[in-house]
Amino acid sequence: MGYSHENQVGAQLAAALVNASEEQNLEAILRDFSIREPGLDAATEQSLRAWADELRPAFAAQTADERCTSINALLDHAAGRISLTTHGGSRPHLHLFPEGNDVLPRIKAVTSGGLALFIAWSGGERIGACARESCSQAFVDSSKAGRQRYCSARCGNTDAVARHRQSAKRTPSPERNRTIHQSN
């Protein structure tokens, strides 16, 4: 099975929620992921932000075992009913919804179940937290090689430039050495 919307949406939504700032509109994020009836009152929004904090360790985990342990803990809190559907003329795909229509349990089911399916499909890899020291953004690795370390190309480039500058400070250039020797 290759990458498709169905095997990434829960993991991508989880990353988006983890990365959401306090100022970001969570309803807009839910709409972006086609979550039906995404309306949030203040208490539900606060609970959803707390859930996002619970999702973060899955992305920060360093090994497949740690990811599995973290995601299993999420599933313990959020497992819902799994159903196979073909609504709207789509190909058969899974829905990971609990009974009822409350948005918070649906989001918990979609994100925890989606992470579980994605991790199982990807061999325990392909999610993470940005390797740049000053960035904590979560990501889902949909690259061909599956070796993504940064949340974005910008973070990767920024980190590479910082490493280069640090290396240049530690290693005197030949031109600097000539200047030092000529002045003696």
N, C-alpha and C. Protein backbone atom coordinates (compact mmCIF):
# COMPACT_ATOMS: atom_id res chain seq x y z
N MET A 1 0.84 -1.17 0.00
CA MET A 1 0.00 0.00 0.00
C MET A 1 0.89 1.24 0.00
N GLY A 2 0.61 2.17 -0.89
CA GLY A 2 1.37 3.41 -0.94
C GLY A 2 0.73 4.49 -0.08
N TYR A 3 1.36 5.64 -0.10
CA TYR A 3 0.80 6.76 0.65
C TYR A 3 -0.50 7.20 0.02
N SER A 4 -1.47 7.47 0.84
CA SER A 4 -2.73 8.02 0.37
C SER A 4 -3.33 8.85 1.48
N HIS A 5 -4.34 9.58 1.14
CA HIS A 5 -5.04 10.41 2.12
C HIS A 5 -5.53 9.57 3.29
N GLU A 6 -6.09 8.40 3.00
CA GLU A 6 -6.68 7.57 4.05
C GLU A 6 -5.68 7.08 5.08
N ASN A 7 -4.45 6.78 4.67
CA ASN A 7 -3.51 6.25 5.66
C ASN A 7 -2.63 7.33 6.28
N GLN A 8 -2.92 8.60 6.00
CA GLN A 8 -2.16 9.69 6.61
C GLN A 8 -3.01 10.69 7.37
N VAL A 9 -4.29 10.79 7.10
CA VAL A 9 -5.08 11.91 7.63
C VAL A 9 -5.06 11.99 9.15
N GLY A 10 -5.19 10.88 9.85
CA GLY A 10 -5.17 10.91 11.31
C GLY A 10 -3.84 11.36 11.86
N ALA A 11 -2.76 10.86 11.27
CA ALA A 11 -1.42 11.26 11.71
C ALA A 11 -1.15 12.73 11.37
N GLN A 12 -1.56 13.16 10.18
CA GLN A 12 -1.38 14.57 9.79
C GLN A 12 -2.19 15.50 10.69
N LEU A 13 -3.42 15.12 11.03
CA LEU A 13 -4.23 15.92 11.94
C LEU A 13 -3.58 15.97 13.32
N ALA A 14 -3.05 14.85 13.79
CA ALA A 14 -2.37 14.83 15.08
C ALA A 14 -1.20 15.82 15.07
N ALA A 15 -0.39 15.81 14.01
CA ALA A 15 0.74 16.74 13.92
C ALA A 15 0.26 18.18 13.89
N ALA A 16 -0.80 18.45 13.16
CA ALA A 16 -1.33 19.82 13.09
C ALA A 16 -1.81 20.31 14.45
N LEU A 17 -2.45 19.43 15.21
CA LEU A 17 -2.92 19.81 16.55
C LEU A 17 -1.74 20.03 17.50
N VAL A 18 -0.74 19.16 17.43
CA VAL A 18 0.45 19.31 18.27
C VAL A 18 1.14 20.64 17.95
N ASN A 19 1.17 21.02 16.68
CA ASN A 19 1.88 22.23 16.25
C ASN A 19 1.07 23.51 16.42
N ALA A 20 -0.21 23.40 16.75
CA ALA A 20 -1.08 24.58 16.85
C ALA A 20 -0.65 25.49 18.00
N SER A 21 -0.52 26.75 17.70
CA SER A 21 -0.20 27.74 18.74
C SER A 21 -1.48 28.07 19.52
N GLU A 22 -1.31 28.71 20.65
CA GLU A 22 -2.46 29.11 21.46
C GLU A 22 -3.38 30.06 20.69
N GLU A 23 -2.82 30.82 19.78
CA GLU A 23 -3.60 31.79 19.02
C GLU A 23 -4.33 31.16 17.84
N GLN A 24 -3.91 29.98 17.42
CA GLN A 24 -4.50 29.35 16.23
C GLN A 24 -5.91 28.88 16.50
N ASN A 25 -6.75 29.01 15.49
CA ASN A 25 -8.14 28.59 15.56
C ASN A 25 -8.21 27.09 15.29
N LEU A 26 -8.52 26.31 16.32
CA LEU A 26 -8.57 24.85 16.16
C LEU A 26 -9.72 24.42 15.26
N GLU A 27 -10.83 25.17 15.27
CA GLU A 27 -11.93 24.83 14.36
C GLU A 27 -11.47 24.89 12.91
N ALA A 28 -10.66 25.88 12.58
CA ALA A 28 -10.15 26.00 11.21
C ALA A 28 -9.28 24.79 10.85
N ILE A 29 -8.48 24.34 11.80
CA ILE A 29 -7.65 23.15 11.56
C ILE A 29 -8.54 21.95 11.31
N LEU A 30 -9.57 21.78 12.12
CA LEU A 30 -10.48 20.64 11.94
C LEU A 30 -11.18 20.72 10.59
N ARG A 31 -11.60 21.92 10.19
CA ARG A 31 -12.23 22.08 8.87
C ARG A 31 -11.25 21.72 7.75
N ASP A 32 -9.98 22.13 7.92
CA ASP A 32 -8.96 21.81 6.90
C ASP A 32 -8.82 20.30 6.70
N PHE A 33 -9.12 19.53 7.75
CA PHE A 33 -9.02 18.07 7.67
C PHE A 33 -10.38 17.42 7.45
N SER A 34 -11.36 18.20 7.03
CA SER A 34 -12.71 17.71 6.70
C SER A 34 -13.39 17.00 7.86
N ILE A 35 -13.15 17.47 9.08
CA ILE A 35 -13.84 16.92 10.24
C ILE A 35 -15.25 17.49 10.24
N ARG A 36 -16.24 16.62 10.27
CA ARG A 36 -17.62 17.12 10.22
C ARG A 36 -18.00 17.74 11.56
N GLU A 37 -18.83 18.76 11.48
CA GLU A 37 -19.32 19.49 12.65
C GLU A 37 -18.18 19.81 13.63
N PRO A 38 -17.24 20.64 13.19
CA PRO A 38 -16.05 20.90 14.01
C PRO A 38 -16.23 21.97 15.09
N GLY A 39 -17.47 22.38 15.38
CA GLY A 39 -17.70 23.44 16.36
C GLY A 39 -17.13 23.11 17.73
N LEU A 40 -16.44 24.08 18.33
CA LEU A 40 -15.82 23.89 19.64
C LEU A 40 -16.27 24.99 20.59
N ASP A 41 -16.80 24.61 21.75
CA ASP A 41 -17.00 25.61 22.79
C ASP A 41 -15.69 25.76 23.55
N ALA A 42 -15.62 26.69 24.49
CA ALA A 42 -14.36 26.98 25.19
C ALA A 42 -13.83 25.76 25.93
N ALA A 43 -14.71 25.01 26.59
CA ALA A 43 -14.27 23.84 27.36
C ALA A 43 -13.74 22.74 26.43
N THR A 44 -14.42 22.53 25.31
CA THR A 44 -13.98 21.51 24.36
C THR A 44 -12.66 21.90 23.72
N GLU A 45 -12.51 23.19 23.42
CA GLU A 45 -11.23 23.64 22.85
C GLU A 45 -10.10 23.42 23.85
N GLN A 46 -10.34 23.72 25.11
CA GLN A 46 -9.31 23.50 26.14
C GLN A 46 -8.98 22.01 26.24
N SER A 47 -9.99 21.16 26.18
CA SER A 47 -9.76 19.71 26.23
C SER A 47 -9.00 19.22 25.00
N LEU A 48 -9.30 19.81 23.85
CA LEU A 48 -8.60 19.42 22.62
C LEU A 48 -7.13 19.85 22.68
N ARG A 49 -6.85 21.00 23.25
CA ARG A 49 -5.45 21.43 23.42
C ARG A 49 -4.72 20.50 24.40
N ALA A 50 -5.42 20.05 25.44
CA ALA A 50 -4.82 19.08 26.37
C ALA A 50 -4.54 17.76 25.65
N TRP A 51 -5.45 17.34 24.77
CA TRP A 51 -5.25 16.12 23.98
C TRP A 51 -4.02 16.28 23.08
N ALA A 52 -3.86 17.46 22.48
CA ALA A 52 -2.68 17.71 21.63
C ALA A 52 -1.40 17.53 22.44
N ASP A 53 -1.41 17.97 23.70
CA ASP A 53 -0.24 17.77 24.56
C ASP A 53 0.02 16.28 24.79
N GLU A 54 -1.05 15.48 24.86
CA GLU A 54 -0.89 14.03 25.04
C GLU A 54 -0.37 13.37 23.76
N LEU A 55 -0.66 13.96 22.61
CA LEU A 55 -0.18 13.42 21.33
C LEU A 55 1.33 13.64 21.13
N ARG A 56 1.86 14.73 21.68
CA ARG A 56 3.26 15.12 21.43
C ARG A 56 4.28 14.00 21.68
N PRO A 57 4.18 13.22 22.79
CA PRO A 57 5.20 12.19 23.02
C PRO A 57 5.32 11.15 21.89
N ALA A 58 4.25 10.90 21.16
CA ALA A 58 4.34 9.96 20.04
C ALA A 58 5.32 10.49 18.98
N PHE A 59 5.31 11.80 18.77
CA PHE A 59 6.20 12.41 17.78
C PHE A 59 7.62 12.56 18.33
N ALA A 60 7.75 12.76 19.63
CA ALA A 60 9.06 12.96 20.25
C ALA A 60 9.79 11.64 20.50
N ALA A 61 9.08 10.51 20.44
CA ALA A 61 9.69 9.21 20.70
C ALA A 61 10.85 8.96 19.74
N GLN A 62 11.90 8.32 20.26
CA GLN A 62 13.11 8.08 19.47
C GLN A 62 13.15 6.71 18.81
N THR A 63 12.36 5.77 19.29
CA THR A 63 12.38 4.41 18.73
C THR A 63 10.97 3.95 18.42
N ALA A 64 10.87 2.91 17.61
CA ALA A 64 9.56 2.34 17.29
C ALA A 64 8.88 1.82 18.55
N ASP A 65 9.64 1.21 19.46
CA ASP A 65 9.05 0.72 20.71
C ASP A 65 8.45 1.86 21.52
N GLU A 66 9.18 2.97 21.63
CA GLU A 66 8.66 4.13 22.36
C GLU A 66 7.41 4.69 21.69
N ARG A 67 7.40 4.74 20.36
CA ARG A 67 6.23 5.22 19.63
C ARG A 67 5.03 4.32 19.90
N CYS A 68 5.25 3.02 19.84
CA CYS A 68 4.16 2.07 20.08
C CYS A 68 3.60 2.22 21.49
N THR A 69 4.48 2.34 22.47
CA THR A 69 4.04 2.52 23.86
C THR A 69 3.21 3.79 24.00
N SER A 70 3.70 4.87 23.42
CA SER A 70 3.00 6.15 23.49
C SER A 70 1.64 6.09 22.79
N ILE A 71 1.60 5.51 21.62
CA ILE A 71 0.35 5.43 20.86
C ILE A 71 -0.62 4.47 21.53
N ASN A 72 -0.13 3.38 22.11
CA ASN A 72 -1.02 2.48 22.85
C ASN A 72 -1.69 3.20 24.02
N ALA A 73 -0.95 4.07 24.69
CA ALA A 73 -1.55 4.86 25.79
C ALA A 73 -2.64 5.78 25.24
N LEU A 74 -2.43 6.35 24.07
CA LEU A 74 -3.46 7.19 23.44
C LEU A 74 -4.69 6.35 23.10
N LEU A 75 -4.45 5.18 22.54
CA LEU A 75 -5.57 4.30 22.17
C LEU A 75 -6.38 3.88 23.40
N ASP A 76 -5.71 3.68 24.53
CA ASP A 76 -6.42 3.33 25.76
C ASP A 76 -7.43 4.40 26.15
N HIS A 77 -7.13 5.67 25.83
CA HIS A 77 -8.02 6.77 26.18
C HIS A 77 -9.03 7.10 25.09
N ALA A 78 -8.82 6.59 23.90
CA ALA A 78 -9.61 7.11 22.79
C ALA A 78 -10.14 6.10 21.80
N ALA A 79 -9.87 4.82 22.01
CA ALA A 79 -10.29 3.84 21.00
C ALA A 79 -11.80 3.90 20.81
N GLY A 80 -12.18 3.90 19.59
CA GLY A 80 -13.60 3.94 19.26
C GLY A 80 -13.96 2.79 18.36
N ARG A 81 -15.13 2.88 17.81
CA ARG A 81 -15.61 1.87 16.88
C ARG A 81 -14.93 2.07 15.53
N ILE A 82 -14.46 1.01 14.95
CA ILE A 82 -13.84 1.06 13.62
C ILE A 82 -14.86 0.54 12.62
N SER A 83 -15.03 1.27 11.52
CA SER A 83 -15.95 0.79 10.50
C SER A 83 -15.34 1.01 9.12
N LEU A 84 -15.72 0.16 8.20
CA LEU A 84 -15.31 0.25 6.81
C LEU A 84 -16.44 0.94 6.06
N THR A 85 -16.12 1.91 5.22
CA THR A 85 -17.17 2.67 4.54
C THR A 85 -16.78 2.98 3.10
N THR A 86 -17.78 3.28 2.29
CA THR A 86 -17.57 3.71 0.91
C THR A 86 -18.40 4.95 0.60
N HIS A 87 -18.67 5.79 1.59
CA HIS A 87 -19.55 6.95 1.40
C HIS A 87 -19.09 7.84 0.26
N GLY A 88 -20.06 8.50 -0.34
CA GLY A 88 -19.75 9.46 -1.40
C GLY A 88 -19.08 8.87 -2.62
N GLY A 89 -19.26 7.58 -2.86
CA GLY A 89 -18.65 6.95 -4.02
C GLY A 89 -17.16 6.72 -3.89
N SER A 90 -16.63 6.86 -2.68
CA SER A 90 -15.19 6.66 -2.48
C SER A 90 -14.86 5.18 -2.41
N ARG A 91 -13.58 4.88 -2.53
CA ARG A 91 -13.11 3.51 -2.35
C ARG A 91 -13.30 3.12 -0.89
N PRO A 92 -13.36 1.84 -0.58
CA PRO A 92 -13.49 1.44 0.82
C PRO A 92 -12.32 1.99 1.66
N HIS A 93 -12.68 2.55 2.81
CA HIS A 93 -11.68 3.06 3.74
C HIS A 93 -12.23 2.98 5.16
N LEU A 94 -11.32 3.08 6.13
CA LEU A 94 -11.71 2.95 7.53
C LEU A 94 -12.12 4.29 8.12
N HIS A 95 -13.12 4.23 8.99
CA HIS A 95 -13.46 5.35 9.86
C HIS A 95 -13.20 4.89 11.28
N LEU A 96 -12.59 5.75 12.05
CA LEU A 96 -12.20 5.42 13.42
C LEU A 96 -13.00 6.28 14.39
N PHE A 97 -14.30 6.10 14.42
CA PHE A 97 -15.16 6.95 15.24
C PHE A 97 -15.72 6.19 16.42
N PRO A 98 -15.83 6.86 17.57
CA PRO A 98 -16.55 6.27 18.69
C PRO A 98 -18.05 6.46 18.45
N GLU A 99 -18.85 5.82 19.25
CA GLU A 99 -20.29 6.03 19.16
C GLU A 99 -20.60 7.49 19.51
N GLY A 100 -21.59 8.07 18.87
CA GLY A 100 -22.00 9.43 19.18
C GLY A 100 -21.37 10.45 18.26
N ASN A 101 -21.81 11.68 18.42
CA ASN A 101 -21.37 12.74 17.52
C ASN A 101 -20.52 13.82 18.16
N ASP A 102 -20.16 13.68 19.43
CA ASP A 102 -19.34 14.71 20.08
C ASP A 102 -17.99 14.81 19.38
N VAL A 103 -17.57 16.04 19.12
CA VAL A 103 -16.37 16.26 18.33
C VAL A 103 -15.10 15.78 19.04
N LEU A 104 -14.97 15.99 20.34
CA LEU A 104 -13.73 15.61 21.02
C LEU A 104 -13.45 14.11 20.96
N PRO A 105 -14.42 13.25 21.29
CA PRO A 105 -14.14 11.81 21.16
C PRO A 105 -13.82 11.40 19.71
N ARG A 106 -14.46 12.07 18.74
CA ARG A 106 -14.15 11.75 17.34
C ARG A 106 -12.71 12.11 17.00
N ILE A 107 -12.26 13.29 17.46
CA ILE A 107 -10.89 13.72 17.17
C ILE A 107 -9.89 12.79 17.86
N LYS A 108 -10.19 12.41 19.08
CA LYS A 108 -9.29 11.49 19.80
C LYS A 108 -9.20 10.16 19.06
N ALA A 109 -10.33 9.66 18.58
CA ALA A 109 -10.34 8.39 17.86
C ALA A 109 -9.58 8.50 16.54
N VAL A 110 -9.84 9.57 15.80
CA VAL A 110 -9.20 9.75 14.50
C VAL A 110 -7.68 9.91 14.65
N THR A 111 -7.24 10.70 15.64
CA THR A 111 -5.80 10.93 15.78
C THR A 111 -5.07 9.73 16.37
N SER A 112 -5.62 9.12 17.41
CA SER A 112 -4.92 7.96 18.00
C SER A 112 -4.97 6.77 17.05
N GLY A 113 -6.14 6.50 16.48
CA GLY A 113 -6.26 5.40 15.53
C GLY A 113 -5.46 5.65 14.26
N GLY A 114 -5.49 6.89 13.79
CA GLY A 114 -4.73 7.25 12.60
C GLY A 114 -3.23 7.11 12.81
N LEU A 115 -2.75 7.53 13.98
CA LEU A 115 -1.33 7.34 14.29
C LEU A 115 -0.98 5.85 14.35
N ALA A 116 -1.85 5.07 14.98
CA ALA A 116 -1.60 3.62 15.09
C ALA A 116 -1.52 2.97 13.71
N LEU A 117 -2.48 3.28 12.85
CA LEU A 117 -2.48 2.70 11.51
C LEU A 117 -1.25 3.15 10.72
N PHE A 118 -0.92 4.43 10.81
CA PHE A 118 0.22 4.95 10.06
C PHE A 118 1.53 4.33 10.54
N ILE A 119 1.70 4.22 11.84
CA ILE A 119 2.93 3.63 12.39
C ILE A 119 3.02 2.15 12.03
N ALA A 120 1.90 1.44 12.09
CA ALA A 120 1.91 0.02 11.70
C ALA A 120 2.28 -0.10 10.22
N TRP A 121 1.70 0.76 9.38
CA TRP A 121 1.97 0.71 7.95
C TRP A 121 3.41 1.10 7.64
N SER A 122 3.97 2.04 8.40
CA SER A 122 5.30 2.57 8.07
C SER A 122 6.43 1.84 8.79
N GLY A 123 6.13 0.78 9.50
CA GLY A 123 7.18 0.03 10.18
C GLY A 123 7.70 0.70 11.44
N GLY A 124 6.88 1.52 12.06
CA GLY A 124 7.27 2.16 13.32
C GLY A 124 8.01 3.46 13.16
N GLU A 125 8.16 3.91 11.93
CA GLU A 125 8.91 5.14 11.66
C GLU A 125 7.99 6.18 11.04
N ARG A 126 8.61 7.20 10.49
CA ARG A 126 7.97 8.22 9.67
C ARG A 126 7.11 9.25 10.40
N ILE A 127 7.23 9.36 11.71
CA ILE A 127 6.74 10.54 12.41
C ILE A 127 7.88 11.01 13.30
N GLY A 128 7.89 12.27 13.63
CA GLY A 128 8.96 12.75 14.49
C GLY A 128 8.76 14.19 14.90
N ALA A 129 9.75 14.68 15.64
CA ALA A 129 9.82 16.09 16.03
C ALA A 129 11.06 16.66 15.36
N CYS A 130 10.99 17.90 14.97
CA CYS A 130 12.07 18.56 14.24
C CYS A 130 13.40 18.42 14.98
N ALA A 131 14.46 18.11 14.23
CA ALA A 131 15.80 17.92 14.80
C ALA A 131 16.51 19.24 15.10
N ARG A 132 15.96 20.35 14.61
CA ARG A 132 16.57 21.65 14.92
C ARG A 132 16.32 21.98 16.38
N GLU A 133 17.37 22.28 17.09
CA GLU A 133 17.30 22.45 18.55
C GLU A 133 16.25 23.46 18.99
N SER A 134 16.07 24.53 18.27
CA SER A 134 15.13 25.57 18.69
C SER A 134 13.73 25.39 18.11
N CYS A 135 13.44 24.24 17.54
CA CYS A 135 12.12 23.97 16.96
C CYS A 135 11.56 22.68 17.55
N SER A 136 10.29 22.69 17.86
CA SER A 136 9.67 21.49 18.42
C SER A 136 8.48 21.01 17.59
N GLN A 137 8.41 21.44 16.33
CA GLN A 137 7.29 21.07 15.47
C GLN A 137 7.28 19.57 15.18
N ALA A 138 6.08 19.00 15.23
CA ALA A 138 5.89 17.59 14.88
C ALA A 138 5.71 17.48 13.37
N PHE A 139 6.06 16.32 12.82
CA PHE A 139 5.85 16.11 11.38
C PHE A 139 5.53 14.66 11.09
N VAL A 140 4.89 14.46 9.95
CA VAL A 140 4.65 13.13 9.39
C VAL A 140 5.51 13.07 8.13
N ASP A 141 6.40 12.10 8.07
CA ASP A 141 7.36 11.98 6.97
C ASP A 141 6.70 11.28 5.79
N SER A 142 6.39 12.06 4.77
CA SER A 142 5.84 11.46 3.55
C SER A 142 6.85 11.51 2.41
N SER A 143 8.12 11.68 2.77
CA SER A 143 9.18 11.70 1.75
C SER A 143 9.36 10.30 1.16
N LYS A 144 9.92 10.27 -0.01
CA LYS A 144 10.14 8.99 -0.68
C LYS A 144 11.12 8.11 0.10
N ALA A 145 12.20 8.71 0.61
CA ALA A 145 13.24 7.94 1.30
C ALA A 145 12.87 7.59 2.74
N GLY A 146 11.98 8.37 3.35
CA GLY A 146 11.57 8.08 4.72
C GLY A 146 12.62 8.42 5.76
N ARG A 147 13.43 9.42 5.50
CA ARG A 147 14.49 9.79 6.45
C ARG A 147 14.39 11.25 6.88
N GLN A 148 13.20 11.80 6.88
CA GLN A 148 13.01 13.20 7.25
C GLN A 148 13.43 13.43 8.70
N ARG A 149 14.18 14.50 8.94
CA ARG A 149 14.62 14.85 10.30
C ARG A 149 14.11 16.21 10.74
N TYR A 150 13.66 17.01 9.79
CA TYR A 150 13.22 18.36 10.09
C TYR A 150 11.76 18.53 9.68
N CYS A 151 11.09 19.47 10.34
CA CYS A 151 9.68 19.71 10.04
C CYS A 151 9.50 20.35 8.66
N SER A 152 10.54 21.03 8.19
CA SER A 152 10.45 21.71 6.89
C SER A 152 11.86 21.86 6.31
N ALA A 153 11.90 22.14 5.02
CA ALA A 153 13.20 22.41 4.37
C ALA A 153 13.84 23.64 5.00
N ARG A 154 13.04 24.61 5.36
CA ARG A 154 13.57 25.83 5.98
C ARG A 154 14.31 25.51 7.28
N CYS A 155 13.71 24.68 8.13
CA CYS A 155 14.37 24.30 9.39
C CYS A 155 15.66 23.52 9.11
N GLY A 156 15.62 22.62 8.15
CA GLY A 156 16.82 21.86 7.80
C GLY A 156 17.93 22.77 7.31
N ASN A 157 17.59 23.73 6.45
CA ASN A 157 18.59 24.66 5.93
C ASN A 157 19.13 25.57 7.03
N THR A 158 18.25 26.05 7.90
CA THR A 158 18.67 26.91 9.01
C THR A 158 19.64 26.16 9.91
N ASP A 159 19.34 24.90 10.20
CA ASP A 159 20.21 24.10 11.05
C ASP A 159 21.56 23.84 10.36
N ALA A 160 21.54 23.57 9.07
CA ALA A 160 22.79 23.33 8.33
C ALA A 160 23.67 24.58 8.34
N VAL A 161 23.07 25.74 8.15
CA VAL A 161 23.84 27.00 8.18
C VAL A 161 24.44 27.21 9.57
N ALA A 162 23.66 26.97 10.61
CA ALA A 162 24.15 27.13 11.99
C ALA A 162 25.32 26.18 12.27
N ARG A 163 25.20 24.93 11.81
CA ARG A 163 26.30 23.97 12.01
C ARG A 163 27.54 24.41 11.25
N HIS A 164 27.35 24.92 10.04
CA HIS A 164 28.48 25.39 9.23
C HIS A 164 29.17 26.57 9.93
N ARG A 165 28.39 27.49 10.44
CA ARG A 165 28.98 28.65 11.12
C ARG A 165 29.72 28.24 12.38
N GLN A 166 29.17 27.29 13.12
CA GLN A 166 29.86 26.78 14.32
C GLN A 166 31.18 26.13 13.94
N SER A 167 31.15 25.34 12.89
CA SER A 167 32.36 24.66 12.41
C SER A 167 33.41 25.68 11.97
N ALA A 168 32.97 26.73 11.29
CA ALA A 168 33.89 27.77 10.81
C ALA A 168 34.53 28.51 11.98
N LYS A 169 33.81 28.69 13.06
CA LYS A 169 34.37 29.35 14.24
C LYS A 169 35.45 28.50 14.90
N ARG A 170 35.25 27.19 14.90
CA ARG A 170 36.20 26.27 15.54
C ARG A 170 37.43 26.02 14.69
N THR A 171 37.29 26.08 13.37
CA THR A 171 38.37 25.76 12.45
C THR A 171 38.84 27.04 11.76
N PRO A 172 40.03 27.51 12.10
CA PRO A 172 40.52 28.73 11.44
C PRO A 172 40.74 28.47 9.95
N SER A 173 40.37 29.44 9.16
CA SER A 173 40.55 29.29 7.71
C SER A 173 42.01 29.53 7.36
N PRO A 174 42.50 28.98 6.25
CA PRO A 174 43.89 29.21 5.83
C PRO A 174 44.18 30.70 5.65
N GLU A 175 43.21 31.45 5.17
CA GLU A 175 43.40 32.88 4.97
C GLU A 175 43.62 33.59 6.30
N ARG A 176 42.87 33.20 7.33
CA ARG A 176 43.05 33.79 8.66
C ARG A 176 44.43 33.44 9.20
N ASN A 177 44.88 32.22 8.96
CA ASN A 177 46.21 31.81 9.43
C ASN A 177 47.29 32.66 8.76
N ARG A 178 47.17 32.92 7.45
CA ARG A 178 48.16 33.73 6.73
C ARG A 178 48.20 35.14 7.31
N THR A 179 47.05 35.70 7.60
CA THR A 179 46.99 37.05 8.15
C THR A 179 47.67 37.09 9.50
N ILE A 180 47.45 36.09 10.32
CA ILE A 180 48.06 36.03 11.64
C ILE A 180 49.57 35.90 11.50
N HIS A 181 50.07 35.03 10.61
CA HIS A 181 51.51 34.81 10.43
C HIS A 181 52.19 36.04 9.81
N GLN A 182 51.52 36.74 8.91
CA GLN A 182 52.11 37.90 8.26
C GLN A 182 52.29 39.05 9.24
N SER A 183 51.43 39.15 10.22
CA SER A 183 51.54 40.27 11.15
C SER A 183 52.63 40.05 12.18
N ASN A 184 53.15 38.85 12.32
CA ASN A 184 54.23 38.56 13.30
C ASN A 184 55.56 38.89 12.76
